[in-house]
Amino acid sequence: MKTQIVTDAVVMHALYPLADYPVVAGLAAKRTQASRLDGRTCRAIYDAALPGIWQAVSDHEREFMRQLGVVGMKAHLSITDNDELFAQLETGERILTNDTRKLAEQLHLAGVTPESLTVTCWKTDPDHAPTSGQIIAIKAALREAEREP
């Protein structure tokens, strides 16, 4: 089940030129010859194509996806037995590092948002749960990366 994010009705009902958003344009070309689509249709097309499209999405288009309420690539964060940070993306890709900043950069490039990152719980698995400081640092870096042009 996908997370629902409430978006502005104006954003969802506005028409967007497909020439500005190449990924959704390519996906839509299989179904329509329209040159503009409304936000609801764009969101449905993105949702149907996830997670396989993240590497092809530009920062400009990723921001458009956020406005539509499309949830980022899902990833799960934990700690290995060697105390390394370990992120498992929903595509199966794995990221392993000791540096929270590098991990956040790689997660951002993969399309992970702070909201789509889950974390191993210290109550259920204390040996593999990241510290609060690590979680805060990673999510803060992801938020910072979202704001950068």
Protein backbone atom coordinates (compact mmCIF):
# COMPACT_ATOMS: atom_id res chain seq x y z
CA MET A 1 0.00 0.00 0.00
CA LYS A 2 1.38 3.40 -1.01
CA THR A 3 1.45 6.34 1.36
CA GLN A 4 -1.10 8.99 0.46
CA ILE A 5 0.01 12.60 0.66
CA VAL A 6 -2.64 15.28 0.47
CA THR A 7 -1.85 17.81 -2.23
CA ASP A 8 -3.35 21.12 -3.25
CA ALA A 9 -6.36 20.76 -5.58
CA VAL A 10 -4.97 23.53 -7.79
CA VAL A 11 -1.78 21.51 -8.34
CA MET A 12 -3.72 18.35 -9.11
CA HIS A 13 -6.13 19.99 -11.58
CA ALA A 14 -3.61 22.18 -13.42
CA LEU A 15 -2.37 21.13 -16.86
CA TYR A 16 1.36 20.52 -17.23
CA PRO A 17 3.32 20.49 -20.51
CA LEU A 18 4.92 17.09 -20.96
CA ALA A 19 7.90 18.69 -22.69
CA ASP A 20 8.99 19.98 -19.27
CA TYR A 21 8.95 16.50 -17.68
CA PRO A 22 10.65 13.90 -19.91
CA VAL A 23 10.12 10.84 -17.71
CA VAL A 24 6.35 11.24 -17.43
CA ALA A 25 6.28 12.25 -21.11
CA GLY A 26 7.98 9.00 -22.11
CA LEU A 27 5.66 6.95 -19.93
CA ALA A 28 2.56 8.81 -21.17
CA ALA A 29 3.54 8.45 -24.83
CA LYS A 30 2.58 4.77 -24.61
CA ARG A 31 -1.00 5.76 -23.72
CA THR A 32 -1.75 9.16 -25.25
CA GLN A 33 -0.70 11.75 -27.82
CA ALA A 34 -1.57 14.62 -25.48
CA SER A 35 1.04 17.34 -25.01
CA ARG A 36 -0.27 18.36 -21.57
CA LEU A 37 -1.71 16.33 -18.70
CA ASP A 38 -3.29 17.27 -15.39
CA GLY A 39 -1.58 16.59 -12.08
CA ARG A 40 -3.82 13.65 -11.19
CA THR A 41 -2.91 11.85 -14.40
CA CYS A 42 0.80 12.60 -14.02
CA ARG A 43 0.74 11.28 -10.46
CA ALA A 44 -1.03 8.08 -11.52
CA ILE A 45 1.55 7.52 -14.25
CA TYR A 46 4.46 8.06 -11.84
CA ASP A 47 2.90 5.80 -9.19
CA ALA A 48 2.43 3.00 -11.73
CA ALA A 49 6.07 3.22 -12.83
CA LEU A 50 7.72 3.33 -9.39
CA PRO A 51 10.31 2.33 -8.25
CA GLY A 52 11.99 1.69 -11.60
CA ILE A 53 12.19 5.30 -12.77
CA TRP A 54 14.18 7.04 -10.01
CA GLN A 55 17.57 7.01 -11.74
CA ALA A 56 16.10 8.71 -14.84
CA VAL A 57 14.37 11.55 -12.97
CA SER A 58 16.06 14.98 -13.00
CA ASP A 59 15.99 17.24 -9.95
CA HIS A 60 13.47 19.47 -11.74
CA GLU A 61 11.13 16.56 -12.37
CA ARG A 62 11.69 15.18 -8.87
CA GLU A 63 10.46 18.51 -7.46
CA PHE A 64 7.37 18.23 -9.69
CA MET A 65 6.78 14.73 -8.34
CA ARG A 66 7.00 16.08 -4.77
CA GLN A 67 4.42 18.75 -5.59
CA LEU A 68 2.11 16.00 -6.84
CA GLY A 69 2.64 14.02 -3.63
CA VAL A 70 4.54 11.15 -5.22
CA VAL A 71 6.38 9.34 -2.42
CA GLY A 72 10.11 8.83 -2.90
CA MET A 73 11.99 5.61 -3.35
CA LYS A 74 11.64 3.54 -0.22
CA ALA A 75 14.72 2.50 1.73
CA HIS A 76 15.37 0.84 5.06
CA LEU A 77 18.27 1.89 7.29
CA SER A 78 20.04 -0.36 9.78
CA ILE A 79 23.49 -1.07 11.22
CA THR A 80 25.61 -4.08 10.27
CA ASP A 81 27.37 -6.30 12.79
CA ASN A 82 30.53 -4.24 12.00
CA ASP A 83 28.75 -1.00 13.00
CA GLU A 84 28.46 0.27 9.42
CA LEU A 85 25.37 2.10 8.15
CA PHE A 86 23.42 -0.12 5.79
CA ALA A 87 20.59 1.07 3.53
CA GLN A 88 18.49 -1.37 1.51
CA LEU A 89 16.59 0.27 -1.37
CA GLU A 90 13.30 -1.16 -2.56
CA THR A 91 15.01 -1.98 -5.88
CA GLY A 92 17.33 -4.34 -4.01
CA GLU A 93 20.34 -2.02 -4.26
CA ARG A 94 22.40 -1.78 -1.06
CA ILE A 95 24.46 1.11 0.27
CA LEU A 96 27.11 0.48 2.93
CA THR A 97 29.21 3.22 4.54
CA ASN A 98 30.39 4.69 7.84
CA ASP A 99 29.69 8.29 6.75
CA THR A 100 26.18 9.65 7.35
CA ARG A 101 26.71 12.49 4.84
CA LYS A 102 27.83 10.14 2.06
CA LEU A 103 24.93 7.81 2.80
CA ALA A 104 22.47 10.71 2.60
CA GLU A 105 23.96 11.85 -0.73
CA GLN A 106 23.64 8.38 -2.20
CA LEU A 107 20.10 8.00 -0.87
CA HIS A 108 19.14 11.38 -2.36
CA LEU A 109 20.57 10.41 -5.76
CA ALA A 110 18.51 7.22 -5.62
CA GLY A 111 15.33 9.25 -4.99
CA VAL A 112 14.90 8.51 -1.29
CA THR A 113 13.13 11.22 0.70
CA PRO A 114 13.19 11.64 4.48
CA GLU A 115 9.56 10.46 4.55
CA SER A 116 10.28 7.30 2.56
CA LEU A 117 13.19 6.18 4.78
CA THR A 118 12.36 3.59 7.43
CA VAL A 119 14.71 2.66 10.24
CA THR A 120 15.34 -0.47 12.28
CA CYS A 121 13.72 0.04 15.70
CA TRP A 122 16.01 -0.02 18.72
CA LYS A 123 13.26 -1.71 20.77
CA THR A 124 12.95 -4.73 18.50
CA ASP A 125 16.56 -4.99 17.27
CA PRO A 126 18.94 -2.91 19.41
CA ASP A 127 22.07 -4.41 17.83
CA HIS A 128 21.13 -3.22 14.32
CA ALA A 129 19.34 0.06 15.06
CA PRO A 130 21.09 3.31 14.13
CA THR A 131 21.49 5.91 16.85
CA SER A 132 19.11 8.86 17.08
CA GLY A 133 21.98 11.14 16.08
CA GLN A 134 22.68 9.12 12.93
CA ILE A 135 19.01 9.15 11.95
CA ILE A 136 18.74 12.90 12.53
CA ALA A 137 21.93 13.57 10.56
CA ILE A 138 20.81 11.47 7.59
CA LYS A 139 17.28 12.90 7.46
CA ALA A 140 18.60 16.47 7.87
CA ALA A 141 21.06 15.92 5.02
CA LEU A 142 18.25 14.50 2.85
CA ARG A 143 16.11 17.58 3.57
CA GLU A 144 19.06 19.85 2.77
CA ALA A 145 19.66 18.03 -0.51
CA GLU A 146 15.98 18.48 -1.44
CA ARG A 147 16.30 22.26 -0.98
CA GLU A 148 19.49 22.64 -3.03
CA PRO A 149 19.05 23.66 -6.68
